[in-house]
PDB file of N, CA and C in Angstrom:
ATOM      1  N   MET A   1       5.481   2.258 -32.140  1.00  0.00           N
ATOM      2  CA  MET A   1       5.630   3.695 -32.313  1.00  0.00           C
ATOM      3  C   MET A   1       5.454   4.375 -30.962  1.00  0.00           C
ATOM      4  N   ASN A   2       6.322   5.288 -30.699  1.00  0.00           N
ATOM      5  CA  ASN A   2       6.227   6.127 -29.474  1.00  0.00           C
ATOM      6  C   ASN A   2       4.919   6.931 -29.495  1.00  0.00           C
ATOM      7  N   PRO A   3       4.208   6.993 -28.386  1.00  0.00           N
ATOM      8  CA  PRO A   3       2.977   7.790 -28.352  1.00  0.00           C
ATOM      9  C   PRO A   3       3.213   9.319 -28.737  1.00  0.00           C
ATOM     10  N   ASN A   4       4.392   9.856 -28.386  1.00  0.00           N
ATOM     11  CA  ASN A   4       4.666  11.222 -28.734  1.00  0.00           C
ATOM     12  C   ASN A   4       4.863  11.306 -30.266  1.00  0.00           C
ATOM     13  N   ASP A   5       5.474  10.346 -30.889  1.00  0.00           N
ATOM     14  CA  ASP A   5       5.661  10.312 -32.346  1.00  0.00           C
ATOM     15  C   ASP A   5       4.301  10.280 -33.016  1.00  0.00           C
ATOM     16  N   LEU A   6       3.433   9.408 -32.483  1.00  0.00           N
ATOM     17  CA  LEU A   6       2.066   9.293 -33.053  1.00  0.00           C
ATOM     18  C   LEU A   6       1.348  10.604 -32.901  1.00  0.00           C
ATOM     19  N   LEU A   7       1.493  11.209 -31.740  1.00  0.00           N
ATOM     20  CA  LEU A   7       0.820  12.490 -31.494  1.00  0.00           C
ATOM     21  C   LEU A   7       1.334  13.533 -32.400  1.00  0.00           C
ATOM     22  N   ASN A   8       2.605  13.581 -32.624  1.00  0.00           N
ATOM     23  CA  ASN A   8       3.220  14.599 -33.594  1.00  0.00           C
ATOM     24  C   ASN A   8       2.685  14.303 -34.996  1.00  0.00           C
ATOM     25  N   GLN A   9       2.622  13.013 -35.413  1.00  0.00           N
ATOM     26  CA  GLN A   9       2.155  12.730 -36.734  1.00  0.00           C
ATOM     27  C   GLN A   9       0.710  13.207 -36.906  1.00  0.00           C
ATOM     28  N   ILE A  10      -0.141  12.930 -35.847  1.00  0.00           N
ATOM     29  CA  ILE A  10      -1.494  13.369 -35.948  1.00  0.00           C
ATOM     30  C   ILE A  10      -1.601  14.848 -36.045  1.00  0.00           C
ATOM     31  N   GLN A  11      -0.803  15.495 -35.212  1.00  0.00           N
ATOM     32  CA  GLN A  11      -0.845  16.991 -35.198  1.00  0.00           C
ATOM     33  C   GLN A  11      -0.415  17.528 -36.531  1.00  0.00           C
ATOM     34  N   SER A  12       0.587  16.937 -37.140  1.00  0.00           N
ATOM     35  CA  SER A  12       1.035  17.351 -38.488  1.00  0.00           C
ATOM     36  C   SER A  12      -0.047  17.148 -39.539  1.00  0.00           C
ATOM     37  N   GLN A  13      -0.763  16.075 -39.490  1.00  0.00           N
ATOM     38  CA  GLN A  13      -1.859  15.808 -40.367  1.00  0.00           C
ATOM     39  C   GLN A  13      -2.990  16.833 -40.137  1.00  0.00           C
ATOM     40  N   LEU A  14      -3.263  17.104 -38.893  1.00  0.00           N
ATOM     41  CA  LEU A  14      -4.276  18.126 -38.614  1.00  0.00           C
ATOM     42  C   LEU A  14      -3.869  19.521 -39.150  1.00  0.00           C
ATOM     43  N   ASP A  15      -2.545  19.858 -38.985  1.00  0.00           N
ATOM     44  CA  ASP A  15      -2.084  21.121 -39.475  1.00  0.00           C
ATOM     45  C   ASP A  15      -2.224  21.196 -40.944  1.00  0.00           C
ATOM     46  N   LYS A  16      -1.979  20.156 -41.687  1.00  0.00           N
ATOM     47  CA  LYS A  16      -2.067  20.124 -43.136  1.00  0.00           C
ATOM     48  C   LYS A  16      -3.494  20.298 -43.529  1.00  0.00           C
ATOM     49  N   THR A  17      -4.405  19.528 -42.810  1.00  0.00           N
ATOM     50  CA  THR A  17      -5.808  19.496 -43.147  1.00  0.00           C
ATOM     51  C   THR A  17      -6.461  20.888 -42.877  1.00  0.00           C
ATOM     52  N   LEU A  18      -6.047  21.472 -41.735  1.00  0.00           N
ATOM     53  CA  LEU A  18      -6.740  22.739 -41.394  1.00  0.00           C
ATOM     54  C   LEU A  18      -6.013  23.976 -41.885  1.00  0.00           C
ATOM     55  N   SER A  19      -4.947  23.784 -42.573  1.00  0.00           N
ATOM     56  CA  SER A  19      -4.175  24.981 -43.079  1.00  0.00           C
ATOM     57  C   SER A  19      -5.040  25.746 -44.073  1.00  0.00           C
ATOM     58  N   GLY A  20      -5.882  25.057 -44.803  1.00  0.00           N
ATOM     59  CA  GLY A  20      -6.708  25.663 -45.803  1.00  0.00           C
ATOM     60  C   GLY A  20      -7.963  26.337 -45.194  1.00  0.00           C
ATOM     61  N   ALA A  21      -8.196  26.092 -43.933  1.00  0.00           N
ATOM     62  CA  ALA A  21      -9.432  26.592 -43.249  1.00  0.00           C
ATOM     63  C   ALA A  21      -9.209  27.938 -42.645  1.00  0.00           C
ATOM     64  N   GLY A  22      -8.121  28.615 -42.920  1.00  0.00           N
ATOM     65  CA  GLY A  22      -7.876  29.873 -42.327  1.00  0.00           C
ATOM     66  C   GLY A  22      -6.918  29.739 -41.174  1.00  0.00           C
ATOM     67  N   SER A  23      -6.783  30.803 -40.458  1.00  0.00           N
ATOM     68  CA  SER A  23      -5.792  30.786 -39.355  1.00  0.00           C
ATOM     69  C   SER A  23      -6.441  30.188 -38.129  1.00  0.00           C
ATOM     70  N   ILE A  24      -5.846  29.156 -37.597  1.00  0.00           N
ATOM     71  CA  ILE A  24      -6.262  28.490 -36.427  1.00  0.00           C
ATOM     72  C   ILE A  24      -5.344  28.973 -35.250  1.00  0.00           C
ATOM     73  N   THR A  25      -6.002  29.344 -34.213  1.00  0.00           N
ATOM     74  CA  THR A  25      -5.216  29.893 -33.115  1.00  0.00           C
ATOM     75  C   THR A  25      -4.469  28.825 -32.398  1.00  0.00           C
ATOM     76  N   ASP A  26      -3.424  29.260 -31.701  1.00  0.00           N
ATOM     77  CA  ASP A  26      -2.613  28.340 -30.911  1.00  0.00           C
ATOM     78  C   ASP A  26      -3.418  27.665 -29.841  1.00  0.00           C
ATOM     79  N   GLU A  27      -4.427  28.304 -29.349  1.00  0.00           N
ATOM     80  CA  GLU A  27      -5.330  27.739 -28.349  1.00  0.00           C
ATOM     81  C   GLU A  27      -6.032  26.497 -28.886  1.00  0.00           C
ATOM     82  N   VAL A  28      -6.564  26.616 -30.150  1.00  0.00           N
ATOM     83  CA  VAL A  28      -7.199  25.494 -30.734  1.00  0.00           C
ATOM     84  C   VAL A  28      -6.265  24.329 -30.961  1.00  0.00           C
ATOM     85  N   HIS A  29      -5.046  24.620 -31.439  1.00  0.00           N
ATOM     86  CA  HIS A  29      -4.045  23.632 -31.575  1.00  0.00           C
ATOM     87  C   HIS A  29      -3.747  22.935 -30.284  1.00  0.00           C
ATOM     88  N   GLN A  30      -3.621  23.663 -29.224  1.00  0.00           N
ATOM     89  CA  GLN A  30      -3.369  23.084 -27.934  1.00  0.00           C
ATOM     90  C   GLN A  30      -4.534  22.238 -27.441  1.00  0.00           C
ATOM     91  N   LEU A  31      -5.716  22.665 -27.658  1.00  0.00           N
ATOM     92  CA  LEU A  31      -6.890  21.866 -27.257  1.00  0.00           C
ATOM     93  C   LEU A  31      -6.895  20.566 -28.016  1.00  0.00           C
ATOM     94  N   VAL A  32      -6.632  20.626 -29.347  1.00  0.00           N
ATOM     95  CA  VAL A  32      -6.629  19.394 -30.137  1.00  0.00           C
ATOM     96  C   VAL A  32      -5.513  18.472 -29.630  1.00  0.00           C
ATOM     97  N   ARG A  33      -4.393  19.054 -29.328  1.00  0.00           N
ATOM     98  CA  ARG A  33      -3.240  18.254 -28.860  1.00  0.00           C
ATOM     99  C   ARG A  33      -3.588  17.542 -27.548  1.00  0.00           C
ATOM    100  N   VAL A  34      -4.199  18.302 -26.606  1.00  0.00           N
ATOM    101  CA  VAL A  34      -4.545  17.768 -25.295  1.00  0.00           C
ATOM    102  C   VAL A  34      -5.619  16.654 -25.514  1.00  0.00           C
ATOM    103  N   SER A  35      -6.597  16.899 -26.365  1.00  0.00           N
ATOM    104  CA  SER A  35      -7.587  15.834 -26.636  1.00  0.00           C
ATOM    105  C   SER A  35      -6.998  14.571 -27.229  1.00  0.00           C
ATOM    106  N   VAL A  36      -6.132  14.710 -28.162  1.00  0.00           N
ATOM    107  CA  VAL A  36      -5.517  13.558 -28.763  1.00  0.00           C
ATOM    108  C   VAL A  36      -4.639  12.850 -27.724  1.00  0.00           C
ATOM    109  N   THR A  37      -3.891  13.589 -26.927  1.00  0.00           N
ATOM    110  CA  THR A  37      -3.004  13.004 -25.910  1.00  0.00           C
ATOM    111  C   THR A  37      -3.867  12.206 -24.870  1.00  0.00           C
ATOM    112  N   LYS A  38      -4.958  12.762 -24.533  1.00  0.00           N
ATOM    113  CA  LYS A  38      -5.855  12.060 -23.587  1.00  0.00           C
ATOM    114  C   LYS A  38      -6.458  10.824 -24.182  1.00  0.00           C
ATOM    115  N   ALA A  39      -6.847  10.880 -25.414  1.00  0.00           N
ATOM    116  CA  ALA A  39      -7.351   9.630 -26.106  1.00  0.00           C
ATOM    117  C   ALA A  39      -6.281   8.643 -26.255  1.00  0.00           C
ATOM    118  N   LEU A  40      -5.070   9.006 -26.568  1.00  0.00           N
ATOM    119  CA  LEU A  40      -3.976   7.997 -26.763  1.00  0.00           C
ATOM    120  C   LEU A  40      -3.565   7.437 -25.391  1.00  0.00           C
ATOM    121  N   SER A  41      -3.654   8.210 -24.368  1.00  0.00           N
ATOM    122  CA  SER A  41      -3.209   7.690 -23.069  1.00  0.00           C
ATOM    123  C   SER A  41      -4.145   6.671 -22.487  1.00  0.00           C
ATOM    124  N   GLY A  42      -5.345   6.668 -22.954  1.00  0.00           N
ATOM    125  CA  GLY A  42      -6.307   5.664 -22.546  1.00  0.00           C
ATOM    126  C   GLY A  42      -6.180   4.395 -23.269  1.00  0.00           C
ATOM    127  N   LEU A  43      -5.397   4.306 -24.326  1.00  0.00           N
ATOM    128  CA  LEU A  43      -5.203   3.102 -25.123  1.00  0.00           C
ATOM    129  C   LEU A  43      -4.025   2.267 -24.559  1.00  0.00           C
ATOM    130  N   ASP A  44      -4.175   0.991 -24.633  1.00  0.00           N
ATOM    131  CA  ASP A  44      -3.141   0.079 -24.178  1.00  0.00           C
ATOM    132  C   ASP A  44      -2.173  -0.237 -25.362  1.00  0.00           C
ATOM    133  N   ILE A  45      -1.227   0.607 -25.552  1.00  0.00           N
ATOM    134  CA  ILE A  45      -0.328   0.581 -26.686  1.00  0.00           C
ATOM    135  C   ILE A  45       1.114   0.225 -26.234  1.00  0.00           C
ATOM    136  N   VAL A  46       1.744  -0.605 -27.014  1.00  0.00           N
ATOM    137  CA  VAL A  46       3.184  -0.897 -26.755  1.00  0.00           C
ATOM    138  C   VAL A  46       3.958  -0.541 -28.041  1.00  0.00           C
ATOM    139  N   SER A  47       5.207  -0.306 -27.894  1.00  0.00           N
ATOM    140  CA  SER A  47       6.051   0.079 -29.010  1.00  0.00           C
ATOM    141  C   SER A  47       6.265  -1.204 -29.921  1.00  0.00           C
ATOM    142  N   ARG A  48       6.538  -0.997 -31.147  1.00  0.00           N
ATOM    143  CA  ARG A  48       6.834  -2.100 -32.055  1.00  0.00           C
ATOM    144  C   ARG A  48       7.972  -2.983 -31.595  1.00  0.00           C
ATOM    145  N   GLU A  49       9.002  -2.345 -30.985  1.00  0.00           N
ATOM    146  CA  GLU A  49      10.142  -3.070 -30.434  1.00  0.00           C
ATOM    147  C   GLU A  49       9.711  -4.002 -29.299  1.00  0.00           C
ATOM    148  N   GLU A  50       8.853  -3.510 -28.412  1.00  0.00           N
ATOM    149  CA  GLU A  50       8.383  -4.334 -27.285  1.00  0.00           C
ATOM    150  C   GLU A  50       7.534  -5.449 -27.776  1.00  0.00           C
ATOM    151  N   PHE A  51       6.669  -5.177 -28.797  1.00  0.00           N
ATOM    152  CA  PHE A  51       5.818  -6.177 -29.415  1.00  0.00           C
ATOM    153  C   PHE A  51       6.656  -7.310 -30.024  1.00  0.00           C
ATOM    154  N   ASP A  52       7.717  -6.899 -30.763  1.00  0.00           N
ATOM    155  CA  ASP A  52       8.621  -7.877 -31.409  1.00  0.00           C
ATOM    156  C   ASP A  52       9.333  -8.739 -30.340  1.00  0.00           C
ATOM    157  N   ALA A  53       9.841  -8.053 -29.306  1.00  0.00           N
ATOM    158  CA  ALA A  53      10.456  -8.806 -28.210  1.00  0.00           C
ATOM    159  C   ALA A  53       9.585  -9.778 -27.556  1.00  0.00           C
ATOM    160  N   GLN A  54       8.343  -9.382 -27.262  1.00  0.00           N
ATOM    161  CA  GLN A  54       7.419 -10.314 -26.617  1.00  0.00           C
ATOM    162  C   GLN A  54       7.016 -11.463 -27.564  1.00  0.00           C
ATOM    163  N   GLN A  55       6.922 -11.114 -28.853  1.00  0.00           N
ATOM    164  CA  GLN A  55       6.581 -12.144 -29.831  1.00  0.00           C
ATOM    165  C   GLN A  55       7.704 -13.212 -29.851  1.00  0.00           C
ATOM    166  N   ALA A  56       8.950 -12.791 -29.790  1.00  0.00           N
ATOM    167  CA  ALA A  56      10.113 -13.722 -29.776  1.00  0.00           C
ATOM    168  C   ALA A  56      10.040 -14.566 -28.486  1.00  0.00           C
ATOM    169  N   VAL A  57       9.744 -14.014 -27.390  1.00  0.00           N
ATOM    170  CA  VAL A  57       9.661 -14.720 -26.132  1.00  0.00           C
ATOM    171  C   VAL A  57       8.612 -15.760 -26.243  1.00  0.00           C
ATOM    172  N   LEU A  58       7.434 -15.352 -26.792  1.00  0.00           N
ATOM    173  CA  LEU A  58       6.295 -16.310 -26.930  1.00  0.00           C
ATOM    174  C   LEU A  58       6.687 -17.452 -27.840  1.00  0.00           C
ATOM    175  N   LYS A  59       7.441 -17.160 -28.949  1.00  0.00           N
ATOM    176  CA  LYS A  59       7.844 -18.218 -29.914  1.00  0.00           C
ATOM    177  C   LYS A  59       8.742 -19.203 -29.186  1.00  0.00           C
ATOM    178  N   ARG A  60       9.728 -18.675 -28.401  1.00  0.00           N
ATOM    179  CA  ARG A  60      10.647 -19.600 -27.702  1.00  0.00           C
ATOM    180  C   ARG A  60       9.888 -20.430 -26.658  1.00  0.00           C
ATOM    181  N   SER A  61       8.923 -19.807 -26.056  1.00  0.00           N
ATOM    182  CA  SER A  61       8.111 -20.540 -25.024  1.00  0.00           C
ATOM    183  C   SER A  61       7.334 -21.638 -25.682  1.00  0.00           C
ATOM    184  N   ARG A  62       6.715 -21.299 -26.815  1.00  0.00           N
ATOM    185  CA  ARG A  62       5.948 -22.305 -27.540  1.00  0.00           C
ATOM    186  C   ARG A  62       6.828 -23.455 -27.952  1.00  0.00           C
ATOM    187  N   GLU A  63       8.075 -23.222 -28.420  1.00  0.00           N
ATOM    188  CA  GLU A  63       8.987 -24.298 -28.829  1.00  0.00           C
ATOM    189  C   GLU A  63       9.292 -25.143 -27.646  1.00  0.00           C
ATOM    190  N   LYS A  64       9.521 -24.579 -26.508  1.00  0.00           N
ATOM    191  CA  LYS A  64       9.903 -25.315 -25.319  1.00  0.00           C
ATOM    192  C   LYS A  64       8.700 -26.193 -24.846  1.00  0.00           C
ATOM    193  N   ILE A  65       7.498 -25.593 -24.906  1.00  0.00           N
ATOM    194  CA  ILE A  65       6.259 -26.413 -24.518  1.00  0.00           C
ATOM    195  C   ILE A  65       6.105 -27.539 -25.497  1.00  0.00           C
ATOM    196  N   ASP A  66       6.265 -27.292 -26.803  1.00  0.00           N
ATOM    197  CA  ASP A  66       6.131 -28.384 -27.777  1.00  0.00           C
ATOM    198  C   ASP A  66       7.114 -29.536 -27.477  1.00  0.00           C
ATOM    199  N   LEU A  67       8.347 -29.112 -27.212  1.00  0.00           N
ATOM    200  CA  LEU A  67       9.413 -30.136 -26.910  1.00  0.00           C
ATOM    201  C   LEU A  67       9.029 -30.922 -25.593  1.00  0.00           C
ATOM    202  N   LEU A  68       8.594 -30.238 -24.569  1.00  0.00           N
ATOM    203  CA  LEU A  68       8.220 -30.868 -23.322  1.00  0.00           C
ATOM    204  C   LEU A  68       7.021 -31.823 -23.510  1.00  0.00           C
ATOM    205  N   GLU A  69       6.085 -31.384 -24.348  1.00  0.00           N
ATOM    206  CA  GLU A  69       4.921 -32.262 -24.625  1.00  0.00           C
ATOM    207  C   GLU A  69       5.310 -33.499 -25.328  1.00  0.00           C
ATOM    208  N   LYS A  70       6.282 -33.372 -26.271  1.00  0.00           N
ATOM    209  CA  LYS A  70       6.793 -34.517 -27.013  1.00  0.00           C
ATOM    210  C   LYS A  70       7.549 -35.500 -26.039  1.00  0.00           C
ATOM    211  N   GLN A  71       8.382 -34.915 -25.193  1.00  0.00           N
ATOM    212  CA  GLN A  71       9.093 -35.724 -24.214  1.00  0.00           C
ATOM    213  C   GLN A  71       8.157 -36.440 -23.287  1.00  0.00           C
ATOM    214  N   LEU A  72       7.082 -35.771 -22.825  1.00  0.00           N
ATOM    215  CA  LEU A  72       6.106 -36.369 -21.959  1.00  0.00           C
ATOM    216  C   LEU A  72       5.387 -37.444 -22.647  1.00  0.00           C
ATOM    217  N   SER A  73       5.047 -37.251 -23.901  1.00  0.00           N
ATOM    218  CA  SER A  73       4.388 -38.315 -24.637  1.00  0.00           C
ATOM    219  C   SER A  73       5.225 -39.537 -24.763  1.00  0.00           C
ATOM    220  N   GLN A  74       6.534 -39.312 -25.009  1.00  0.00           N
ATOM    221  CA  GLN A  74       7.461 -40.476 -25.091  1.00  0.00           C
ATOM    222  C   GLN A  74       7.590 -41.210 -23.756  1.00  0.00           C
ATOM    223  N   ILE A  75       7.610 -40.444 -22.643  1.00  0.00           N
ATOM    224  CA  ILE A  75       7.737 -41.034 -21.343  1.00  0.00           C
ATOM    225  C   ILE A  75       6.456 -41.890 -21.087  1.00  0.00           C
ATOM    226  N   GLU A  76       5.359 -41.340 -21.384  1.00  0.00           N
ATOM    227  CA  GLU A  76       4.077 -42.003 -21.199  1.00  0.00           C
ATOM    228  C   GLU A  76       3.986 -43.280 -21.941  1.00  0.00           C
ATOM    229  N   GLU A  77       4.541 -43.274 -23.224  1.00  0.00           N
ATOM    230  CA  GLU A  77       4.603 -44.460 -24.082  1.00  0.00           C
ATOM    231  C   GLU A  77       5.490 -45.539 -23.467  1.00  0.00           C
ATOM    232  N   LEU A  78       6.596 -45.129 -22.912  1.00  0.00           N
ATOM    233  CA  LEU A  78       7.544 -46.085 -22.277  1.00  0.00           C
ATOM    234  C   LEU A  78       6.827 -46.709 -21.068  1.00  0.00           C
ATOM    235  N   ILE A  79       6.140 -45.945 -20.278  1.00  0.00           N
ATOM    236  CA  ILE A  79       5.439 -46.440 -19.102  1.00  0.00           C
ATOM    237  C   ILE A  79       4.381 -47.455 -19.538  1.00  0.00           C
ATOM    238  N   LYS A  80       3.648 -47.199 -20.587  1.00  0.00           N
ATOM    239  CA  LYS A  80       2.656 -48.106 -21.058  1.00  0.00           C
ATOM    240  C   LYS A  80       3.215 -49.432 -21.520  1.00  0.00           C
ATOM    241  N   ARG A  81       4.377 -49.300 -22.195  1.00  0.00           N
ATOM    242  CA  ARG A  81       5.010 -50.525 -22.715  1.00  0.00           C
ATOM    243  C   ARG A  81       5.494 -51.459 -21.547  1.00  0.00           C
ATOM    244  N   LYS A  82       5.963 -50.796 -20.479  1.00  0.00           N
ATOM    245  CA  LYS A  82       6.488 -51.611 -19.347  1.00  0.00           C
ATOM    246  C   LYS A  82       5.387 -52.121 -18.459  1.00  0.00           C
ATOM    247  N   SER A  83       4.176 -51.642 -18.625  1.00  0.00           N
ATOM    248  CA  SER A  83       3.041 -52.092 -17.771  1.00  0.00           C
ATOM    249  C   SER A  83       2.417 -53.355 -18.277  1.00  0.00           C
TER     250      SER A  83
END
């Protein structure tokens, strides 16, 4: 999820929650938005697309490592047999 999308979603939820509390000034809305933006910018967040892409890379890497370990094991076994 894009941080701006998340921020907009949080702002929307705040608007719904605070709508019954009377009129909230634009200044308060802006202060809340700045606070949430600051809090989100401190988090180490990646998009779902980036996460999925990295997960696919990791899976391919794991498959290659497993194959190489198997080949190495076979080579070691051949060396032991010849010794």
